[in-house]
């Protein structure tokens, strides 16, 4: 397995578990949130999907977002499957970008986000992107627990 294949495998495994969890959320709870400042469940799902696209643009531009406009802007919330279907082409382009990197790229390309005070090598930055989704998976598990819902077994 190549370096980039391992990175993509990690992204795919995290998403498989996220989808397993998200699919266990009854639609009547899509707009539930634990407090006024929190994201609703469907907002969190979109945040993860949209965030991956945002991170892809950060990687492409080596840190600079420029005039980024989200394709999700003004898009209404509907269903989980609609969110996944909309995000899929963006995910495929992101994976194509990752596949194009050499092992040297992963250790030499720098992602510099001066507005955040961040400077990371590409391989490290890609792993941090995956971690973002993992954190929100844990957060969603807490939503399920608070709601008293059965939590899908994501540790299969």
Protein backbone atom coordinates (compact mmCIF):
# COMPACT_ATOMS: atom_id res chain seq x y z
CA UNK A 1 0.00 0.00 0.00
CA UNK A 2 1.26 3.47 -0.84
CA UNK A 3 1.34 6.41 1.54
CA UNK A 4 -1.63 8.06 -0.12
CA UNK A 5 -3.60 4.81 -0.22
CA UNK A 6 -3.19 4.50 3.54
CA UNK A 7 -4.32 8.10 4.04
CA UNK A 8 -7.40 7.55 1.87
CA UNK A 9 -8.17 4.27 3.64
CA UNK A 10 -8.19 6.19 6.92
CA UNK A 11 -10.58 8.80 5.49
CA UNK A 12 -12.85 6.06 4.13
CA UNK A 13 -12.90 4.13 7.40
CA UNK A 14 -13.74 7.24 9.41
CA UNK A 15 -16.55 8.13 6.97
CA UNK A 16 -17.91 4.57 7.02
CA UNK A 17 -18.24 4.81 10.78
CA UNK A 18 -19.73 8.31 10.60
CA UNK A 19 -22.36 7.16 8.11
CA UNK A 20 -23.17 4.16 10.27
CA UNK A 21 -23.75 6.52 13.20
CA UNK A 22 -25.59 9.19 11.23
CA UNK A 23 -27.88 6.55 9.69
CA UNK A 24 -28.99 5.58 13.19
CA UNK A 25 -30.39 9.05 13.84
CA UNK A 26 -34.16 9.16 13.33
CA UNK A 27 -35.11 12.13 11.08
CA UNK A 28 -37.27 13.62 13.83
CA UNK A 29 -34.02 14.38 15.69
CA UNK A 30 -32.22 16.09 12.78
CA UNK A 31 -32.91 19.53 14.27
CA UNK A 32 -32.27 18.66 17.90
CA UNK A 33 -29.34 20.29 19.70
CA UNK A 34 -28.27 20.08 23.32
CA UNK A 35 -28.25 23.83 23.88
CA UNK A 36 -28.91 27.10 22.08
CA UNK A 37 -25.29 27.56 20.97
CA UNK A 38 -24.73 24.01 19.68
CA UNK A 39 -25.17 22.75 16.13
CA UNK A 40 -28.24 20.67 15.37
CA UNK A 41 -27.51 17.09 14.38
CA UNK A 42 -28.05 17.79 10.67
CA UNK A 43 -25.93 20.96 10.90
CA UNK A 44 -23.11 18.88 12.39
CA UNK A 45 -23.36 16.34 9.57
CA UNK A 46 -23.18 19.11 7.01
CA UNK A 47 -20.34 20.76 8.93
CA UNK A 48 -18.31 17.57 8.55
CA UNK A 49 -19.10 17.15 4.85
CA UNK A 50 -18.65 20.81 4.00
CA UNK A 51 -15.56 21.03 6.19
CA UNK A 52 -13.87 18.31 4.17
CA UNK A 53 -14.39 20.40 1.03
CA UNK A 54 -13.07 23.49 2.79
CA UNK A 55 -9.99 21.57 3.92
CA UNK A 56 -9.53 20.30 0.36
CA UNK A 57 -9.39 23.90 -0.86
CA UNK A 58 -6.92 24.76 1.90
CA UNK A 59 -4.69 21.89 0.75
CA UNK A 60 -4.96 22.90 -2.91
CA UNK A 61 -4.04 26.48 -2.09
CA UNK A 62 -1.38 25.49 0.46
CA UNK A 63 -3.26 27.30 3.21
CA UNK A 64 -4.79 30.32 1.54
CA UNK A 65 -8.57 30.22 1.15
CA UNK A 66 -8.77 33.36 -0.94
CA UNK A 67 -12.32 34.06 -2.15
CA UNK A 68 -13.72 30.70 -1.06
CA UNK A 69 -17.48 30.39 -1.46
CA UNK A 70 -19.01 27.19 -0.18
CA UNK A 71 -21.14 25.13 -2.58
CA UNK A 72 -23.37 24.50 0.44
CA UNK A 73 -24.13 28.21 0.84
CA UNK A 74 -27.91 28.79 1.06
CA UNK A 75 -28.55 25.08 0.46
CA UNK A 76 -31.55 23.87 2.49
CA UNK A 77 -31.23 20.97 4.92
CA UNK A 78 -33.24 17.95 3.85
CA UNK A 79 -32.11 14.37 4.49
CA UNK A 80 -28.94 12.54 5.37
CA UNK A 81 -28.88 10.84 1.98
CA UNK A 82 -29.25 14.17 0.20
CA UNK A 83 -26.32 15.57 2.18
CA UNK A 84 -24.17 12.53 1.36
CA UNK A 85 -25.10 12.58 -2.33
CA UNK A 86 -24.30 16.27 -2.65
CA UNK A 87 -20.93 15.86 -0.94
CA UNK A 88 -19.80 12.76 -2.85
CA UNK A 89 -18.41 14.45 -6.00
CA UNK A 90 -16.41 16.87 -3.83
CA UNK A 91 -15.02 13.95 -1.83
CA UNK A 92 -13.97 12.16 -5.02
CA UNK A 93 -12.09 15.26 -6.18
CA UNK A 94 -10.42 15.52 -2.79
CA UNK A 95 -9.27 11.90 -3.04
CA UNK A 96 -7.97 12.54 -6.57
CA UNK A 97 -5.92 15.41 -5.15
CA UNK A 98 -4.52 13.17 -2.40
CA UNK A 99 -3.67 10.40 -4.88
CA UNK A 100 -1.58 12.84 -6.90
CA UNK A 101 0.80 13.53 -4.01
CA UNK A 102 4.13 11.73 -3.85
CA UNK A 103 5.67 10.52 -0.60
CA UNK A 104 8.05 13.49 -0.87
CA UNK A 105 5.10 15.87 -1.21
CA UNK A 106 3.65 14.57 2.05
CA UNK A 107 6.80 15.54 3.92
CA UNK A 108 7.86 18.67 2.01
CA UNK A 109 4.72 20.61 1.05
CA UNK A 110 3.76 23.07 3.76
CA UNK A 111 0.23 24.18 4.53
CA UNK A 112 0.53 27.67 5.99
CA UNK A 113 -2.55 29.27 7.54
CA UNK A 114 -1.09 32.51 8.81
CA UNK A 115 -4.49 33.77 10.02
CA UNK A 116 -4.62 30.74 12.36
CA UNK A 117 -0.92 30.69 13.20
CA UNK A 118 -0.64 27.23 11.63
CA UNK A 119 2.22 25.76 9.65
CA UNK A 120 2.06 22.02 9.00
CA UNK A 121 3.54 19.58 6.53
CA UNK A 122 0.97 18.11 4.15
CA UNK A 123 0.93 14.58 5.60
CA UNK A 124 0.31 15.96 9.08
CA UNK A 125 -2.38 18.32 7.81
CA UNK A 126 -4.25 15.51 6.04
CA UNK A 127 -4.34 13.51 9.27
CA UNK A 128 -5.71 16.54 11.12
CA UNK A 129 -8.51 16.77 8.55
CA UNK A 130 -9.48 13.16 9.29
CA UNK A 131 -9.31 13.87 13.02
CA UNK A 132 -11.85 16.69 12.61
CA UNK A 133 -14.48 14.21 11.46
CA UNK A 134 -13.57 11.78 14.24
CA UNK A 135 -14.10 14.48 16.86
CA UNK A 136 -17.57 15.20 15.51
CA UNK A 137 -18.37 11.50 15.51
CA UNK A 138 -17.69 11.49 19.23
CA UNK A 139 -19.80 14.60 19.64
CA UNK A 140 -22.68 12.94 17.77
CA UNK A 141 -22.38 9.88 20.00
CA UNK A 142 -22.93 12.24 22.95
CA UNK A 143 -26.06 13.59 21.24
CA UNK A 144 -27.39 10.03 20.94
CA UNK A 145 -26.63 9.34 24.60
CA UNK A 146 -28.34 12.56 25.72
CA UNK A 147 -31.40 11.74 23.63
CA UNK A 148 -31.54 8.22 25.04
CA UNK A 149 -31.15 6.70 21.54
CA UNK A 150 -29.49 3.41 20.87
CA UNK A 151 -25.99 4.11 19.61
CA UNK A 152 -24.99 2.18 16.50
CA UNK A 153 -21.97 -0.03 17.06
CA UNK A 154 -19.27 1.86 15.17
CA UNK A 155 -16.45 -0.16 16.75
CA UNK A 156 -16.98 -3.21 14.55
